[in-house]
Amino acid sequence: MLQRYILTVTDTIIGILESLISLRILLKLLGASTHAPFVVWVYETTKPLLTPFEGMFPTSNLIGGMTLEASALFALLVYAFLGFLLESAIRQLSRYTSE
């Protein structure tokens, strides 16, 4: 029961992080206006999540003000992998403690 609760909380947190980063990637790719409050909120909210990955890859400016943030794509993959590792560790620990 506790394992299910912990896994649900973990899934929810990782899902929210990945959703916000995905939304940032989409907004940058579509060239969303940085004057819109929602866009500003998404960029400011995801900024701390992307700080460890800044400068790893060049940011590509495309036609029409669109931007491809390769570091954000990489961060998305890293957080998904970390979520997988965390859930695997929780499952292993609960299996170990229930024996």
C-alpha atoms as a PDB file:
ATOM      1  CA  MET A   1       0.000   0.000   0.000  1.00  0.00           C
ATOM      2  CA  LEU A   2       2.778   2.440   0.937  1.00  0.00           C
ATOM      3  CA  GLN A   3       4.761   1.434  -2.137  1.00  0.00           C
ATOM      4  CA  ARG A   4       1.777   2.199  -4.385  1.00  0.00           C
ATOM      5  CA  TYR A   5       1.366   5.628  -2.770  1.00  0.00           C
ATOM      6  CA  ILE A   6       5.072   6.473  -3.122  1.00  0.00           C
ATOM      7  CA  LEU A   7       5.089   5.319  -6.755  1.00  0.00           C
ATOM      8  CA  THR A   8       1.979   7.391  -7.500  1.00  0.00           C
ATOM      9  CA  VAL A   9       3.548  10.507  -5.980  1.00  0.00           C
ATOM     10  CA  THR A  10       6.801   9.865  -7.864  1.00  0.00           C
ATOM     11  CA  ASP A  11       4.941   9.336 -11.151  1.00  0.00           C
ATOM     12  CA  THR A  12       2.951  12.519 -10.615  1.00  0.00           C
ATOM     13  CA  ILE A  13       5.993  14.680  -9.853  1.00  0.00           C
ATOM     14  CA  ILE A  14       8.034  13.325 -12.760  1.00  0.00           C
ATOM     15  CA  GLY A  15       5.018  13.677 -15.048  1.00  0.00           C
ATOM     16  CA  ILE A  16       4.541  17.319 -14.083  1.00  0.00           C
ATOM     17  CA  LEU A  17       8.249  18.074 -14.612  1.00  0.00           C
ATOM     18  CA  GLU A  18       8.269  16.375 -18.011  1.00  0.00           C
ATOM     19  CA  SER A  19       5.028  18.098 -19.037  1.00  0.00           C
ATOM     20  CA  LEU A  20       6.372  21.538 -18.148  1.00  0.00           C
ATOM     21  CA  ILE A  21       9.646  20.951 -20.005  1.00  0.00           C
ATOM     22  CA  SER A  22       7.736  19.581 -23.014  1.00  0.00           C
ATOM     23  CA  LEU A  23       5.496  22.638 -22.971  1.00  0.00           C
ATOM     24  CA  ARG A  24       8.561  24.887 -22.890  1.00  0.00           C
ATOM     25  CA  ILE A  25      10.060  23.055 -25.874  1.00  0.00           C
ATOM     26  CA  LEU A  26       6.791  23.400 -27.786  1.00  0.00           C
ATOM     27  CA  LEU A  27       6.397  27.106 -26.964  1.00  0.00           C
ATOM     28  CA  LYS A  28       9.994  27.846 -28.005  1.00  0.00           C
ATOM     29  CA  LEU A  29       9.602  25.782 -31.165  1.00  0.00           C
ATOM     30  CA  LEU A  30       6.442  27.651 -32.130  1.00  0.00           C
ATOM     31  CA  GLY A  31       8.013  31.035 -31.340  1.00  0.00           C
ATOM     32  CA  ALA A  32       5.543  31.964 -28.603  1.00  0.00           C
ATOM     33  CA  SER A  33       5.529  35.604 -27.529  1.00  0.00           C
ATOM     34  CA  THR A  34       7.557  36.297 -24.412  1.00  0.00           C
ATOM     35  CA  HIS A  35       5.073  39.047 -23.532  1.00  0.00           C
ATOM     36  CA  ALA A  36       2.270  36.581 -22.818  1.00  0.00           C
ATOM     37  CA  PRO A  37       1.969  35.927 -19.061  1.00  0.00           C
ATOM     38  CA  PHE A  38       1.483  32.185 -19.501  1.00  0.00           C
ATOM     39  CA  VAL A  39       4.612  31.871 -21.641  1.00  0.00           C
ATOM     40  CA  VAL A  40       6.621  33.874 -19.104  1.00  0.00           C
ATOM     41  CA  TRP A  41       5.305  31.634 -16.315  1.00  0.00           C
ATOM     42  CA  VAL A  42       6.295  28.447 -18.171  1.00  0.00           C
ATOM     43  CA  TYR A  43       9.778  29.790 -18.951  1.00  0.00           C
ATOM     44  CA  GLU A  44      10.376  30.991 -15.375  1.00  0.00           C
ATOM     45  CA  THR A  45       9.034  27.777 -13.850  1.00  0.00           C
ATOM     46  CA  THR A  46      11.213  25.533 -16.007  1.00  0.00           C
ATOM     47  CA  LYS A  47      14.351  27.656 -15.794  1.00  0.00           C
ATOM     48  CA  PRO A  48      15.640  26.026 -12.561  1.00  0.00           C
ATOM     49  CA  LEU A  49      15.010  22.580 -14.050  1.00  0.00           C
ATOM     50  CA  LEU A  50      17.204  23.388 -17.047  1.00  0.00           C
ATOM     51  CA  THR A  51      20.021  25.141 -15.173  1.00  0.00           C
ATOM     52  CA  PRO A  52      22.198  21.981 -14.899  1.00  0.00           C
ATOM     53  CA  PHE A  53      21.973  21.526 -18.670  1.00  0.00           C
ATOM     54  CA  GLU A  54      22.640  25.113 -19.824  1.00  0.00           C
ATOM     55  CA  GLY A  55      25.390  25.473 -22.375  1.00  0.00           C
ATOM     56  CA  MET A  56      25.653  21.765 -23.149  1.00  0.00           C
ATOM     57  CA  PHE A  57      24.294  22.178 -26.662  1.00  0.00           C
ATOM     58  CA  PRO A  58      23.817  25.174 -28.911  1.00  0.00           C
ATOM     59  CA  THR A  59      20.358  26.695 -29.192  1.00  0.00           C
ATOM     60  CA  SER A  60      19.221  26.760 -32.809  1.00  0.00           C
ATOM     61  CA  ASN A  61      17.279  29.779 -34.002  1.00  0.00           C
ATOM     62  CA  LEU A  62      15.008  28.755 -36.851  1.00  0.00           C
ATOM     63  CA  ILE A  63      12.966  30.726 -39.352  1.00  0.00           C
ATOM     64  CA  GLY A  64      10.173  32.913 -37.975  1.00  0.00           C
ATOM     65  CA  GLY A  65      11.456  33.325 -34.429  1.00  0.00           C
ATOM     66  CA  MET A  66      11.260  29.634 -33.652  1.00  0.00           C
ATOM     67  CA  THR A  67      13.912  28.186 -31.363  1.00  0.00           C
ATOM     68  CA  LEU A  68      15.073  24.632 -30.807  1.00  0.00           C
ATOM     69  CA  GLU A  69      16.543  24.180 -27.333  1.00  0.00           C
ATOM     70  CA  ALA A  70      18.601  20.998 -27.539  1.00  0.00           C
ATOM     71  CA  SER A  71      19.507  21.267 -23.859  1.00  0.00           C
ATOM     72  CA  ALA A  72      15.804  21.182 -22.945  1.00  0.00           C
ATOM     73  CA  LEU A  73      15.339  18.056 -25.057  1.00  0.00           C
ATOM     74  CA  PHE A  74      18.303  16.470 -23.305  1.00  0.00           C
ATOM     75  CA  ALA A  75      16.930  17.511 -19.901  1.00  0.00           C
ATOM     76  CA  LEU A  76      13.624  15.875 -20.788  1.00  0.00           C
ATOM     77  CA  LEU A  77      15.415  12.602 -21.467  1.00  0.00           C
ATOM     78  CA  VAL A  78      17.520  12.851 -18.304  1.00  0.00           C
ATOM     79  CA  TYR A  79      14.505  13.503 -16.052  1.00  0.00           C
ATOM     80  CA  ALA A  80      12.626  10.597 -17.640  1.00  0.00           C
ATOM     81  CA  PHE A  81      15.609   8.328 -17.022  1.00  0.00           C
ATOM     82  CA  LEU A  82      16.000   9.554 -13.429  1.00  0.00           C
ATOM     83  CA  GLY A  83      12.301   8.910 -12.856  1.00  0.00           C
ATOM     84  CA  PHE A  84      12.723   5.377 -14.176  1.00  0.00           C
ATOM     85  CA  LEU A  85      15.720   4.791 -11.898  1.00  0.00           C
ATOM     86  CA  LEU A  86      13.895   6.201  -8.868  1.00  0.00           C
ATOM     87  CA  GLU A  87      10.849   4.012  -9.460  1.00  0.00           C
ATOM     88  CA  SER A  88      13.035   0.951  -9.985  1.00  0.00           C
ATOM     89  CA  ALA A  89      14.847   1.676  -6.715  1.00  0.00           C
ATOM     90  CA  ILE A  90      11.548   2.058  -4.858  1.00  0.00           C
ATOM     91  CA  ARG A  91      10.299  -1.258  -6.252  1.00  0.00           C
ATOM     92  CA  GLN A  92      13.546  -3.003  -5.316  1.00  0.00           C
ATOM     93  CA  LEU A  93      13.562  -1.564  -1.796  1.00  0.00           C
ATOM     94  CA  SER A  94       9.957  -2.533  -1.185  1.00  0.00           C
ATOM     95  CA  ARG A  95      10.650  -6.047  -2.467  1.00  0.00           C
ATOM     96  CA  TYR A  96      13.695  -6.268  -0.186  1.00  0.00           C
ATOM     97  CA  THR A  97      11.852  -4.982   2.904  1.00  0.00           C
ATOM     98  CA  SER A  98       8.787  -7.220   2.387  1.00  0.00           C
ATOM     99  CA  GLU A  99      10.849 -10.421   2.451  1.00  0.00           C
END
